[in-house]
């Protein structure tokens, strides 16, 4: 039997034997990760490991845009259910997180990881 999974009209669809069955809704949940006041994508285990054994933190990406700019973009695009994640509670990260929450009030959830 031939089968495949496809995303169609923002729904995950399982297709087998000529029949299509909607499996689950698919949606984008925006996320803003903040480390030392900057929006970054960090290799997860390196954040934990660097605090334990002093190894270097590995960053996949660091943006020139502020957390508030990302929140404003998400607001303009009406993206719901976002997360602002502080990877540490230093003053720069706290300020950036508060700016993001103010830029899109009521639609972002704040998570803090130490």
PDB file of N, CA and C in Angstrom:
ATOM      1  N   UNK A   1       0.846  -1.176   0.000  1.00  0.00           N
ATOM      2  CA  UNK A   1       0.000   0.000   0.000  1.00  0.00           C
ATOM      3  C   UNK A   1       0.893   1.242   0.000  1.00  0.00           C
ATOM      4  N   UNK A   2       0.592   2.185  -0.849  1.00  0.00           N
ATOM      5  CA  UNK A   2       1.325   3.442  -0.933  1.00  0.00           C
ATOM      6  C   UNK A   2       0.711   4.435   0.044  1.00  0.00           C
ATOM      7  N   UNK A   3       1.548   5.106   0.827  1.00  0.00           N
ATOM      8  CA  UNK A   3       1.045   6.095   1.775  1.00  0.00           C
ATOM      9  C   UNK A   3       2.034   7.243   1.870  1.00  0.00           C
ATOM     10  N   UNK A   4       1.572   8.370   2.371  1.00  0.00           N
ATOM     11  CA  UNK A   4       2.455   9.511   2.610  1.00  0.00           C
ATOM     12  C   UNK A   4       1.786  10.458   3.602  1.00  0.00           C
ATOM     13  N   UNK A   5       2.599  11.330   4.179  1.00  0.00           N
ATOM     14  CA  UNK A   5       2.094  12.398   5.039  1.00  0.00           C
ATOM     15  C   UNK A   5       2.332  13.710   4.320  1.00  0.00           C
ATOM     16  N   UNK A   6       1.347  14.560   4.276  1.00  0.00           N
ATOM     17  CA  UNK A   6       1.490  15.863   3.638  1.00  0.00           C
ATOM     18  C   UNK A   6       0.885  16.932   4.533  1.00  0.00           C
ATOM     19  N   UNK A   7       1.375  18.141   4.387  1.00  0.00           N
ATOM     20  CA  UNK A   7       0.750  19.278   5.055  1.00  0.00           C
ATOM     21  C   UNK A   7      -0.083  19.988   4.001  1.00  0.00           C
ATOM     22  N   UNK A   8      -1.382  20.068   4.254  1.00  0.00           N
ATOM     23  CA  UNK A   8      -2.295  20.700   3.324  1.00  0.00           C
ATOM     24  C   UNK A   8      -3.221  21.610   4.102  1.00  0.00           C
ATOM     25  N   UNK A   9      -3.276  22.866   3.700  1.00  0.00           N
ATOM     26  CA  UNK A   9      -4.146  23.841   4.347  1.00  0.00           C
ATOM     27  C   UNK A   9      -3.915  23.868   5.862  1.00  0.00           C
ATOM     28  N   UNK A  10      -2.636  23.840   6.252  1.00  0.00           N
ATOM     29  CA  UNK A  10      -2.197  23.869   7.648  1.00  0.00           C
ATOM     30  C   UNK A  10      -2.716  22.690   8.468  1.00  0.00           C
ATOM     31  N   UNK A  11      -2.959  21.553   7.819  1.00  0.00           N
ATOM     32  CA  UNK A  11      -3.360  20.343   8.528  1.00  0.00           C
ATOM     33  C   UNK A  11      -2.450  19.202   8.085  1.00  0.00           C
ATOM     34  N   UNK A  12      -2.096  18.337   9.016  1.00  0.00           N
ATOM     35  CA  UNK A  12      -1.318  17.154   8.696  1.00  0.00           C
ATOM     36  C   UNK A  12      -2.284  16.101   8.180  1.00  0.00           C
ATOM     37  N   UNK A  13      -2.037  15.610   6.973  1.00  0.00           N
ATOM     38  CA  UNK A  13      -2.957  14.677   6.323  1.00  0.00           C
ATOM     39  C   UNK A  13      -2.221  13.369   6.027  1.00  0.00           C
ATOM     40  N   UNK A  14      -2.811  12.262   6.411  1.00  0.00           N
ATOM     41  CA  UNK A  14      -2.292  10.928   6.113  1.00  0.00           C
ATOM     42  C   UNK A  14      -3.034  10.420   4.890  1.00  0.00           C
ATOM     43  N   UNK A  15      -2.297  10.057   3.844  1.00  0.00           N
ATOM     44  CA  UNK A  15      -2.919   9.600   2.607  1.00  0.00           C
ATOM     45  C   UNK A  15      -2.523   8.141   2.388  1.00  0.00           C
ATOM     46  N   UNK A  16      -3.501   7.251   2.273  1.00  0.00           N
ATOM     47  CA  UNK A  16      -3.233   5.830   2.025  1.00  0.00           C
ATOM     48  C   UNK A  16      -4.364   5.250   1.195  1.00  0.00           C
ATOM     49  N   UNK A  17      -4.009   4.493   0.191  1.00  0.00           N
ATOM     50  CA  UNK A  17      -5.023   3.826  -0.622  1.00  0.00           C
ATOM     51  C   UNK A  17      -6.024   4.775  -1.243  1.00  0.00           C
ATOM     52  N   UNK A  18      -5.602   5.976  -1.585  1.00  0.00           N
ATOM     53  CA  UNK A  18      -6.489   6.941  -2.213  1.00  0.00           C
ATOM     54  C   UNK A  18      -7.389   7.693  -1.255  1.00  0.00           C
ATOM     55  N   UNK A  19      -7.302   7.397   0.044  1.00  0.00           N
ATOM     56  CA  UNK A  19      -8.111   8.101   1.043  1.00  0.00           C
ATOM     57  C   UNK A  19      -7.226   9.040   1.839  1.00  0.00           C
ATOM     58  N   UNK A  20      -7.746  10.201   2.171  1.00  0.00           N
ATOM     59  CA  UNK A  20      -7.010  11.182   2.974  1.00  0.00           C
ATOM     60  C   UNK A  20      -7.695  11.327   4.326  1.00  0.00           C
ATOM     61  N   UNK A  21      -6.911  11.248   5.384  1.00  0.00           N
ATOM     62  CA  UNK A  21      -7.434  11.390   6.738  1.00  0.00           C
ATOM     63  C   UNK A  21      -6.655  12.502   7.426  1.00  0.00           C
ATOM     64  N   UNK A  22      -7.357  13.503   7.961  1.00  0.00           N
ATOM     65  CA  UNK A  22      -6.701  14.589   8.683  1.00  0.00           C
ATOM     66  C   UNK A  22      -6.279  14.063  10.043  1.00  0.00           C
ATOM     67  N   UNK A  23      -4.973  14.166  10.323  1.00  0.00           N
ATOM     68  CA  UNK A  23      -4.445  13.617  11.575  1.00  0.00           C
ATOM     69  C   UNK A  23      -4.412  14.654  12.690  1.00  0.00           C
ATOM     70  N   UNK A  24      -3.932  15.830  12.395  1.00  0.00           N
ATOM     71  CA  UNK A  24      -3.778  16.842  13.436  1.00  0.00           C
ATOM     72  C   UNK A  24      -3.580  18.200  12.786  1.00  0.00           C
ATOM     73  N   UNK A  25      -3.929  19.228  13.519  1.00  0.00           N
ATOM     74  CA  UNK A  25      -3.676  20.586  13.040  1.00  0.00           C
ATOM     75  C   UNK A  25      -2.198  20.908  13.212  1.00  0.00           C
ATOM     76  N   UNK A  26      -1.655  21.676  12.299  1.00  0.00           N
ATOM     77  CA  UNK A  26      -0.265  22.099  12.363  1.00  0.00           C
ATOM     78  C   UNK A  26      -0.257  23.613  12.491  1.00  0.00           C
ATOM     79  N   UNK A  27       0.487  24.132  13.444  1.00  0.00           N
ATOM     80  CA  UNK A  27       0.565  25.582  13.582  1.00  0.00           C
ATOM     81  C   UNK A  27       1.971  25.990  13.991  1.00  0.00           C
ATOM     82  N   UNK A  28       2.325  27.213  13.679  1.00  0.00           N
ATOM     83  CA  UNK A  28       3.622  27.771  14.034  1.00  0.00           C
ATOM     84  C   UNK A  28       3.479  28.500  15.359  1.00  0.00           C
ATOM     85  N   UNK A  29       4.322  28.176  16.314  1.00  0.00           N
ATOM     86  CA  UNK A  29       4.317  28.861  17.606  1.00  0.00           C
ATOM     87  C   UNK A  29       5.611  29.659  17.705  1.00  0.00           C
ATOM     88  N   UNK A  30       5.506  30.977  17.666  1.00  0.00           N
ATOM     89  CA  UNK A  30       6.716  31.792  17.686  1.00  0.00           C
ATOM     90  C   UNK A  30       7.459  31.683  19.013  1.00  0.00           C
ATOM     91  N   UNK A  31       8.769  31.795  18.942  1.00  0.00           N
ATOM     92  CA  UNK A  31       9.601  31.688  20.134  1.00  0.00           C
ATOM     93  C   UNK A  31      10.743  32.688  20.033  1.00  0.00           C
ATOM     94  N   UNK A  32      11.030  33.357  21.130  1.00  0.00           N
ATOM     95  CA  UNK A  32      12.155  34.289  21.214  1.00  0.00           C
ATOM     96  C   UNK A  32      13.049  33.805  22.346  1.00  0.00           C
ATOM     97  N   UNK A  33      14.241  33.308  22.008  1.00  0.00           N
ATOM     98  CA  UNK A  33      15.220  32.869  23.006  1.00  0.00           C
ATOM     99  C   UNK A  33      16.188  34.014  23.268  1.00  0.00           C
ATOM    100  N   UNK A  34      16.355  34.370  24.537  1.00  0.00           N
ATOM    101  CA  UNK A  34      17.216  35.501  24.912  1.00  0.00           C
ATOM    102  C   UNK A  34      18.345  35.007  25.801  1.00  0.00           C
ATOM    103  N   UNK A  35      19.571  35.372  25.434  1.00  0.00           N
ATOM    104  CA  UNK A  35      20.751  35.040  26.238  1.00  0.00           C
ATOM    105  C   UNK A  35      21.638  36.276  26.296  1.00  0.00           C
ATOM    106  N   UNK A  36      21.911  36.736  27.506  1.00  0.00           N
ATOM    107  CA  UNK A  36      22.727  37.946  27.712  1.00  0.00           C
ATOM    108  C   UNK A  36      22.149  39.138  26.942  1.00  0.00           C
ATOM    109  N   UNK A  37      20.811  39.219  26.884  1.00  0.00           N
ATOM    110  CA  UNK A  37      20.135  40.347  26.262  1.00  0.00           C
ATOM    111  C   UNK A  37      19.977  40.261  24.754  1.00  0.00           C
ATOM    112  N   UNK A  38      20.529  39.230  24.126  1.00  0.00           N
ATOM    113  CA  UNK A  38      20.479  39.067  22.669  1.00  0.00           C
ATOM    114  C   UNK A  38      19.563  37.910  22.297  1.00  0.00           C
ATOM    115  N   UNK A  39      18.925  38.023  21.124  1.00  0.00           N
ATOM    116  CA  UNK A  39      18.121  36.928  20.596  1.00  0.00           C
ATOM    117  C   UNK A  39      19.084  35.951  19.935  1.00  0.00           C
ATOM    118  N   UNK A  40      19.086  34.710  20.453  1.00  0.00           N
ATOM    119  CA  UNK A  40      20.046  33.709  19.981  1.00  0.00           C
ATOM    120  C   UNK A  40      19.377  32.355  19.838  1.00  0.00           C
ATOM    121  N   UNK A  41      20.010  31.519  19.030  1.00  0.00           N
ATOM    122  CA  UNK A  41      19.697  30.094  19.012  1.00  0.00           C
ATOM    123  C   UNK A  41      20.960  29.399  19.490  1.00  0.00           C
ATOM    124  N   UNK A  42      20.834  28.685  20.594  1.00  0.00           N
ATOM    125  CA  UNK A  42      21.980  28.054  21.242  1.00  0.00           C
ATOM    126  C   UNK A  42      21.820  26.544  21.166  1.00  0.00           C
ATOM    127  N   UNK A  43      22.937  25.837  20.975  1.00  0.00           N
ATOM    128  CA  UNK A  43      22.907  24.380  21.071  1.00  0.00           C
ATOM    129  C   UNK A  43      22.597  24.061  22.526  1.00  0.00           C
ATOM    130  N   UNK A  44      21.412  23.503  22.766  1.00  0.00           N
ATOM    131  CA  UNK A  44      20.844  23.358  24.107  1.00  0.00           C
ATOM    132  C   UNK A  44      21.758  22.801  25.165  1.00  0.00           C
ATOM    133  N   UNK A  45      22.420  21.701  24.883  1.00  0.00           N
ATOM    134  CA  UNK A  45      23.241  21.067  25.918  1.00  0.00           C
ATOM    135  C   UNK A  45      24.448  21.912  26.283  1.00  0.00           C
ATOM    136  N   UNK A  46      24.899  22.788  25.377  1.00  0.00           N
ATOM    137  CA  UNK A  46      26.089  23.582  25.694  1.00  0.00           C
ATOM    138  C   UNK A  46      25.794  24.641  26.734  1.00  0.00           C
ATOM    139  N   UNK A  47      24.547  25.105  26.835  1.00  0.00           N
ATOM    140  CA  UNK A  47      24.191  26.072  27.877  1.00  0.00           C
ATOM    141  C   UNK A  47      24.318  25.422  29.246  1.00  0.00           C
ATOM    142  N   UNK A  48      23.778  24.231  29.367  1.00  0.00           N
ATOM    143  CA  UNK A  48      23.856  23.497  30.628  1.00  0.00           C
ATOM    144  C   UNK A  48      25.299  23.094  30.928  1.00  0.00           C
ATOM    145  N   UNK A  49      25.986  22.527  29.942  1.00  0.00           N
ATOM    146  CA  UNK A  49      27.342  22.035  30.148  1.00  0.00           C
ATOM    147  C   UNK A  49      28.319  23.153  30.482  1.00  0.00           C
ATOM    148  N   UNK A  50      28.140  24.334  29.880  1.00  0.00           N
ATOM    149  CA  UNK A  50      29.075  25.434  30.123  1.00  0.00           C
ATOM    150  C   UNK A  50      29.012  25.909  31.565  1.00  0.00           C
ATOM    151  N   UNK A  51      27.838  25.817  32.178  1.00  0.00           N
ATOM    152  CA  UNK A  51      27.726  26.245  33.576  1.00  0.00           C
ATOM    153  C   UNK A  51      28.297  25.201  34.531  1.00  0.00           C
ATOM    154  N   UNK A  52      28.355  23.951  34.086  1.00  0.00           N
ATOM    155  CA  UNK A  52      28.843  22.869  34.944  1.00  0.00           C
ATOM    156  C   UNK A  52      30.349  22.703  34.840  1.00  0.00           C
ATOM    157  N   UNK A  53      30.847  22.609  33.602  1.00  0.00           N
ATOM    158  CA  UNK A  53      32.264  22.282  33.451  1.00  0.00           C
ATOM    159  C   UNK A  53      33.094  23.361  32.758  1.00  0.00           C
ATOM    160  N   UNK A  54      32.510  24.529  32.515  1.00  0.00           N
ATOM    161  CA  UNK A  54      33.266  25.636  31.941  1.00  0.00           C
ATOM    162  C   UNK A  54      33.526  25.535  30.452  1.00  0.00           C
ATOM    163  N   UNK A  55      32.894  24.581  29.754  1.00  0.00           N
ATOM    164  CA  UNK A  55      33.077  24.478  28.310  1.00  0.00           C
ATOM    165  C   UNK A  55      32.413  25.667  27.620  1.00  0.00           C
ATOM    166  N   UNK A  56      32.815  25.898  26.380  1.00  0.00           N
ATOM    167  CA  UNK A  56      32.313  27.051  25.634  1.00  0.00           C
ATOM    168  C   UNK A  56      30.860  26.847  25.203  1.00  0.00           C
ATOM    169  N   UNK A  57      30.104  27.911  25.264  1.00  0.00           N
ATOM    170  CA  UNK A  57      28.728  27.937  24.793  1.00  0.00           C
ATOM    171  C   UNK A  57      28.751  27.941  23.264  1.00  0.00           C
ATOM    172  N   UNK A  58      27.923  27.124  22.619  1.00  0.00           N
ATOM    173  CA  UNK A  58      27.867  27.065  21.161  1.00  0.00           C
ATOM    174  C   UNK A  58      26.593  27.755  20.691  1.00  0.00           C
ATOM    175  N   UNK A  59      26.750  28.796  19.869  1.00  0.00           N
ATOM    176  CA  UNK A  59      25.628  29.563  19.346  1.00  0.00           C
ATOM    177  C   UNK A  59      25.447  29.240  17.872  1.00  0.00           C
ATOM    178  N   UNK A  60      24.238  28.799  17.490  1.00  0.00           N
ATOM    179  CA  UNK A  60      23.926  28.553  16.078  1.00  0.00           C
ATOM    180  C   UNK A  60      23.667  29.857  15.341  1.00  0.00           C
ATOM    181  N   UNK A  61      23.024  30.810  16.038  1.00  0.00           N
ATOM    182  CA  UNK A  61      22.592  32.043  15.384  1.00  0.00           C
ATOM    183  C   UNK A  61      22.419  33.125  16.429  1.00  0.00           C
ATOM    184  N   UNK A  62      22.835  34.343  16.096  1.00  0.00           N
ATOM    185  CA  UNK A  62      22.574  35.515  16.929  1.00  0.00           C
ATOM    186  C   UNK A  62      22.038  36.610  16.027  1.00  0.00           C
ATOM    187  N   UNK A  63      20.902  37.182  16.400  1.00  0.00           N
ATOM    188  CA  UNK A  63      20.236  38.176  15.565  1.00  0.00           C
ATOM    189  C   UNK A  63      20.674  39.591  15.904  1.00  0.00           C
ATOM    190  N   UNK A  64      20.614  40.447  14.898  1.00  0.00           N
ATOM    191  CA  UNK A  64      20.822  41.879  15.119  1.00  0.00           C
ATOM    192  C   UNK A  64      19.532  42.541  15.600  1.00  0.00           C
ATOM    193  N   UNK A  65      18.398  41.874  15.405  1.00  0.00           N
ATOM    194  CA  UNK A  65      17.109  42.419  15.847  1.00  0.00           C
ATOM    195  C   UNK A  65      16.934  42.187  17.344  1.00  0.00           C
ATOM    196  N   UNK A  66      16.226  43.100  17.983  1.00  0.00           N
ATOM    197  CA  UNK A  66      15.949  42.955  19.415  1.00  0.00           C
ATOM    198  C   UNK A  66      14.777  41.998  19.624  1.00  0.00           C
ATOM    199  N   UNK A  67      14.623  41.552  20.847  1.00  0.00           N
ATOM    200  CA  UNK A  67      13.488  40.694  21.198  1.00  0.00           C
ATOM    201  C   UNK A  67      12.172  41.424  20.940  1.00  0.00           C
ATOM    202  N   UNK A  68      12.136  42.726  21.221  1.00  0.00           N
ATOM    203  CA  UNK A  68      10.926  43.521  20.988  1.00  0.00           C
ATOM    204  C   UNK A  68      10.589  43.596  19.500  1.00  0.00           C
ATOM    205  N   UNK A  69      11.613  43.680  18.640  1.00  0.00           N
ATOM    206  CA  UNK A  69      11.360  43.703  17.197  1.00  0.00           C
ATOM    207  C   UNK A  69      10.720  42.392  16.736  1.00  0.00           C
ATOM    208  N   UNK A  70      11.227  41.262  17.240  1.00  0.00           N
ATOM    209  CA  UNK A  70      10.618  39.980  16.892  1.00  0.00           C
ATOM    210  C   UNK A  70       9.178  39.919  17.387  1.00  0.00           C
ATOM    211  N   UNK A  71       8.924  40.361  18.611  1.00  0.00           N
ATOM    212  CA  UNK A  71       7.566  40.350  19.154  1.00  0.00           C
ATOM    213  C   UNK A  71       6.639  41.222  18.306  1.00  0.00           C
ATOM    214  N   UNK A  72       7.129  42.362  17.843  1.00  0.00           N
ATOM    215  CA  UNK A  72       6.320  43.243  16.987  1.00  0.00           C
ATOM    216  C   UNK A  72       5.986  42.575  15.659  1.00  0.00           C
ATOM    217  N   UNK A  73       6.957  41.863  15.087  1.00  0.00           N
ATOM    218  CA  UNK A  73       6.713  41.130  13.838  1.00  0.00           C
ATOM    219  C   UNK A  73       5.647  40.064  14.065  1.00  0.00           C
ATOM    220  N   UNK A  74       5.762  39.327  15.172  1.00  0.00           N
ATOM    221  CA  UNK A  74       4.778  38.288  15.480  1.00  0.00           C
ATOM    222  C   UNK A  74       3.392  38.899  15.679  1.00  0.00           C
ATOM    223  N   UNK A  75       3.340  40.087  16.291  1.00  0.00           N
ATOM    224  CA  UNK A  75       2.057  40.769  16.496  1.00  0.00           C
ATOM    225  C   UNK A  75       1.458  41.184  15.157  1.00  0.00           C
ATOM    226  N   UNK A  76       2.280  41.789  14.284  1.00  0.00           N
ATOM    227  CA  UNK A  76       1.802  42.215  12.964  1.00  0.00           C
ATOM    228  C   UNK A  76       1.256  41.033  12.168  1.00  0.00           C
ATOM    229  N   UNK A  77       1.912  39.877  12.302  1.00  0.00           N
ATOM    230  CA  UNK A  77       1.497  38.683  11.570  1.00  0.00           C
ATOM    231  C   UNK A  77       0.417  37.883  12.302  1.00  0.00           C
ATOM    232  N   UNK A  78      -0.036  38.405  13.456  1.00  0.00           N
ATOM    233  CA  UNK A  78      -1.093  37.790  14.261  1.00  0.00           C
ATOM    234  C   UNK A  78      -0.770  36.346  14.647  1.00  0.00           C
ATOM    235  N   UNK A  79       0.498  36.109  14.989  1.00  0.00           N
ATOM    236  CA  UNK A  79       0.915  34.788  15.453  1.00  0.00           C
ATOM    237  C   UNK A  79       0.638  34.685  16.946  1.00  0.00           C
ATOM    238  N   UNK A  80      -0.037  33.623  17.344  1.00  0.00           N
ATOM    239  CA  UNK A  80      -0.463  33.459  18.731  1.00  0.00           C
ATOM    240  C   UNK A  80       0.350  32.381  19.439  1.00  0.00           C
ATOM    241  N   UNK A  81       0.300  32.406  20.774  1.00  0.00           N
ATOM    242  CA  UNK A  81       0.898  31.346  21.580  1.00  0.00           C
ATOM    243  C   UNK A  81       2.406  31.369  21.634  1.00  0.00           C
ATOM    244  N   UNK A  82       3.001  32.540  21.540  1.00  0.00           N
ATOM    245  CA  UNK A  82       4.454  32.645  21.532  1.00  0.00           C
ATOM    246  C   UNK A  82       5.080  32.469  22.900  1.00  0.00           C
ATOM    247  N   UNK A  83       6.375  32.229  22.892  1.00  0.00           N
ATOM    248  CA  UNK A  83       7.147  32.073  24.118  1.00  0.00           C
ATOM    249  C   UNK A  83       8.349  33.001  24.080  1.00  0.00           C
ATOM    250  N   UNK A  84       8.593  33.683  25.171  1.00  0.00           N
ATOM    251  CA  UNK A  84       9.828  34.439  25.372  1.00  0.00           C
ATOM    252  C   UNK A  84      10.611  33.637  26.401  1.00  0.00           C
ATOM    253  N   UNK A  85      11.779  33.156  26.019  1.00  0.00           N
ATOM    254  CA  UNK A  85      12.564  32.293  26.898  1.00  0.00           C
ATOM    255  C   UNK A  85      13.868  32.987  27.257  1.00  0.00           C
ATOM    256  N   UNK A  86      14.058  33.197  28.554  1.00  0.00           N
ATOM    257  CA  UNK A  86      15.314  33.771  29.053  1.00  0.00           C
ATOM    258  C   UNK A  86      16.247  32.625  29.410  1.00  0.00           C
ATOM    259  N   UNK A  87      17.377  32.551  28.733  1.00  0.00           N
ATOM    260  CA  UNK A  87      18.387  31.532  29.021  1.00  0.00           C
ATOM    261  C   UNK A  87      19.381  32.138  29.997  1.00  0.00           C
ATOM    262  N   UNK A  88      18.925  32.324  31.217  1.00  0.00           N
ATOM    263  CA  UNK A  88      19.673  33.026  32.254  1.00  0.00           C
ATOM    264  C   UNK A  88      18.884  34.244  32.682  1.00  0.00           C
ATOM    265  N   UNK A  89      19.127  34.717  33.900  1.00  0.00           N
ATOM    266  CA  UNK A  89      18.330  35.820  34.446  1.00  0.00           C
ATOM    267  C   UNK A  89      19.164  37.071  34.673  1.00  0.00           C
ATOM    268  N   UNK A  90      20.146  37.297  33.813  1.00  0.00           N
ATOM    269  CA  UNK A  90      20.971  38.494  33.942  1.00  0.00           C
ATOM    270  C   UNK A  90      20.137  39.730  33.605  1.00  0.00           C
ATOM    271  N   UNK A  91      20.568  40.919  34.053  1.00  0.00           N
ATOM    272  CA  UNK A  91      19.782  42.141  33.827  1.00  0.00           C
ATOM    273  C   UNK A  91      19.489  42.434  32.352  1.00  0.00           C
ATOM    274  N   UNK A  92      20.437  42.174  31.454  1.00  0.00           N
ATOM    275  CA  UNK A  92      20.206  42.445  30.029  1.00  0.00           C
ATOM    276  C   UNK A  92      19.109  41.537  29.473  1.00  0.00           C
ATOM    277  N   UNK A  93      19.099  40.284  29.885  1.00  0.00           N
ATOM    278  CA  UNK A  93      18.057  39.352  29.435  1.00  0.00           C
ATOM    279  C   UNK A  93      16.702  39.729  30.012  1.00  0.00           C
ATOM    280  N   UNK A  94      16.681  40.150  31.271  1.00  0.00           N
ATOM    281  CA  UNK A  94      15.428  40.580  31.893  1.00  0.00           C
ATOM    282  C   UNK A  94      14.843  41.776  31.152  1.00  0.00           C
ATOM    283  N   UNK A  95      15.690  42.752  30.828  1.00  0.00           N
ATOM    284  CA  UNK A  95      15.219  43.948  30.118  1.00  0.00           C
ATOM    285  C   UNK A  95      14.694  43.583  28.733  1.00  0.00           C
ATOM    286  N   UNK A  96      15.419  42.729  28.012  1.00  0.00           N
ATOM    287  CA  UNK A  96      14.993  42.325  26.667  1.00  0.00           C
ATOM    288  C   UNK A  96      13.669  41.567  26.719  1.00  0.00           C
ATOM    289  N   UNK A  97      13.510  40.687  27.712  1.00  0.00           N
ATOM    290  CA  UNK A  97      12.265  39.923  27.846  1.00  0.00           C
ATOM    291  C   UNK A  97      11.082  40.842  28.138  1.00  0.00           C
ATOM    292  N   UNK A  98      11.272  41.797  29.032  1.00  0.00           N
ATOM    293  CA  UNK A  98      10.187  42.736  29.350  1.00  0.00           C
ATOM    294  C   UNK A  98       9.809  43.578  28.138  1.00  0.00           C
ATOM    295  N   UNK A  99      10.804  43.992  27.344  1.00  0.00           N
ATOM    296  CA  UNK A  99      10.514  44.761  26.127  1.00  0.00           C
ATOM    297  C   UNK A  99       9.689  43.925  25.147  1.00  0.00           C
ATOM    298  N   UNK A 100      10.034  42.649  25.009  1.00  0.00           N
ATOM    299  CA  UNK A 100       9.280  41.768  24.109  1.00  0.00           C
ATOM    300  C   UNK A 100       7.849  41.590  24.601  1.00  0.00           C
ATOM    301  N   UNK A 101       7.680  41.391  25.900  1.00  0.00           N
ATOM    302  CA  UNK A 101       6.336  41.220  26.458  1.00  0.00           C
ATOM    303  C   UNK A 101       5.502  42.483  26.295  1.00  0.00           C
ATOM    304  N   UNK A 102       6.131  43.644  26.415  1.00  0.00           N
ATOM    305  CA  UNK A 102       5.411  44.914  26.218  1.00  0.00           C
ATOM    306  C   UNK A 102       5.046  45.122  24.748  1.00  0.00           C
ATOM    307  N   UNK A 103       5.891  44.638  23.835  1.00  0.00           N
ATOM    308  CA  UNK A 103       5.638  44.820  22.403  1.00  0.00           C
ATOM    309  C   UNK A 103       4.455  43.985  21.918  1.00  0.00           C
ATOM    310  N   UNK A 104       4.177  42.874  22.598  1.00  0.00           N
ATOM    311  CA  UNK A 104       3.052  42.006  22.224  1.00  0.00           C
ATOM    312  C   UNK A 104       2.389  41.519  23.506  1.00  0.00           C
ATOM    313  N   UNK A 105       1.716  42.435  24.212  1.00  0.00           N
ATOM    314  CA  UNK A 105       1.135  42.082  25.517  1.00  0.00           C
ATOM    315  C   UNK A 105       0.023  41.044  25.389  1.00  0.00           C
ATOM    316  N   UNK A 106       0.003  40.148  26.356  1.00  0.00           N
ATOM    317  CA  UNK A 106      -1.072  39.174  26.434  1.00  0.00           C
ATOM    318  C   UNK A 106      -0.928  37.956  25.548  1.00  0.00           C
ATOM    319  N   UNK A 107       0.034  37.928  24.643  1.00  0.00           N
ATOM    320  CA  UNK A 107       0.146  36.791  23.725  1.00  0.00           C
ATOM    321  C   UNK A 107       1.442  36.011  23.878  1.00  0.00           C
ATOM    322  N   UNK A 108       2.340  36.457  24.732  1.00  0.00           N
ATOM    323  CA  UNK A 108       3.593  35.739  24.929  1.00  0.00           C
ATOM    324  C   UNK A 108       3.652  35.184  26.342  1.00  0.00           C
ATOM    325  N   UNK A 109       4.267  34.030  26.478  1.00  0.00           N
ATOM    326  CA  UNK A 109       4.484  33.397  27.772  1.00  0.00           C
ATOM    327  C   UNK A 109       5.967  33.501  28.077  1.00  0.00           C
ATOM    328  N   UNK A 110       6.310  33.900  29.301  1.00  0.00           N
ATOM    329  CA  UNK A 110       7.715  34.040  29.690  1.00  0.00           C
ATOM    330  C   UNK A 110       8.174  32.790  30.421  1.00  0.00           C
ATOM    331  N   UNK A 111       9.285  32.227  29.972  1.00  0.00           N
ATOM    332  CA  UNK A 111       9.920  31.090  30.641  1.00  0.00           C
ATOM    333  C   UNK A 111      11.346  31.494  30.981  1.00  0.00           C
ATOM    334  N   UNK A 112      11.806  31.101  32.160  1.00  0.00           N
ATOM    335  CA  UNK A 112      13.159  31.446  32.596  1.00  0.00           C
ATOM    336  C   UNK A 112      13.922  30.164  32.881  1.00  0.00           C
ATOM    337  N   UNK A 113      15.091  30.023  32.254  1.00  0.00           N
ATOM    338  CA  UNK A 113      15.963  28.872  32.482  1.00  0.00           C
ATOM    339  C   UNK A 113      17.290  29.368  33.013  1.00  0.00           C
ATOM    340  N   UNK A 114      17.761  28.788  34.097  1.00  0.00           N
ATOM    341  CA  UNK A 114      19.039  29.177  34.687  1.00  0.00           C
ATOM    342  C   UNK A 114      20.102  28.188  34.320  1.00  0.00           C
TER     343      UNK A 114
END
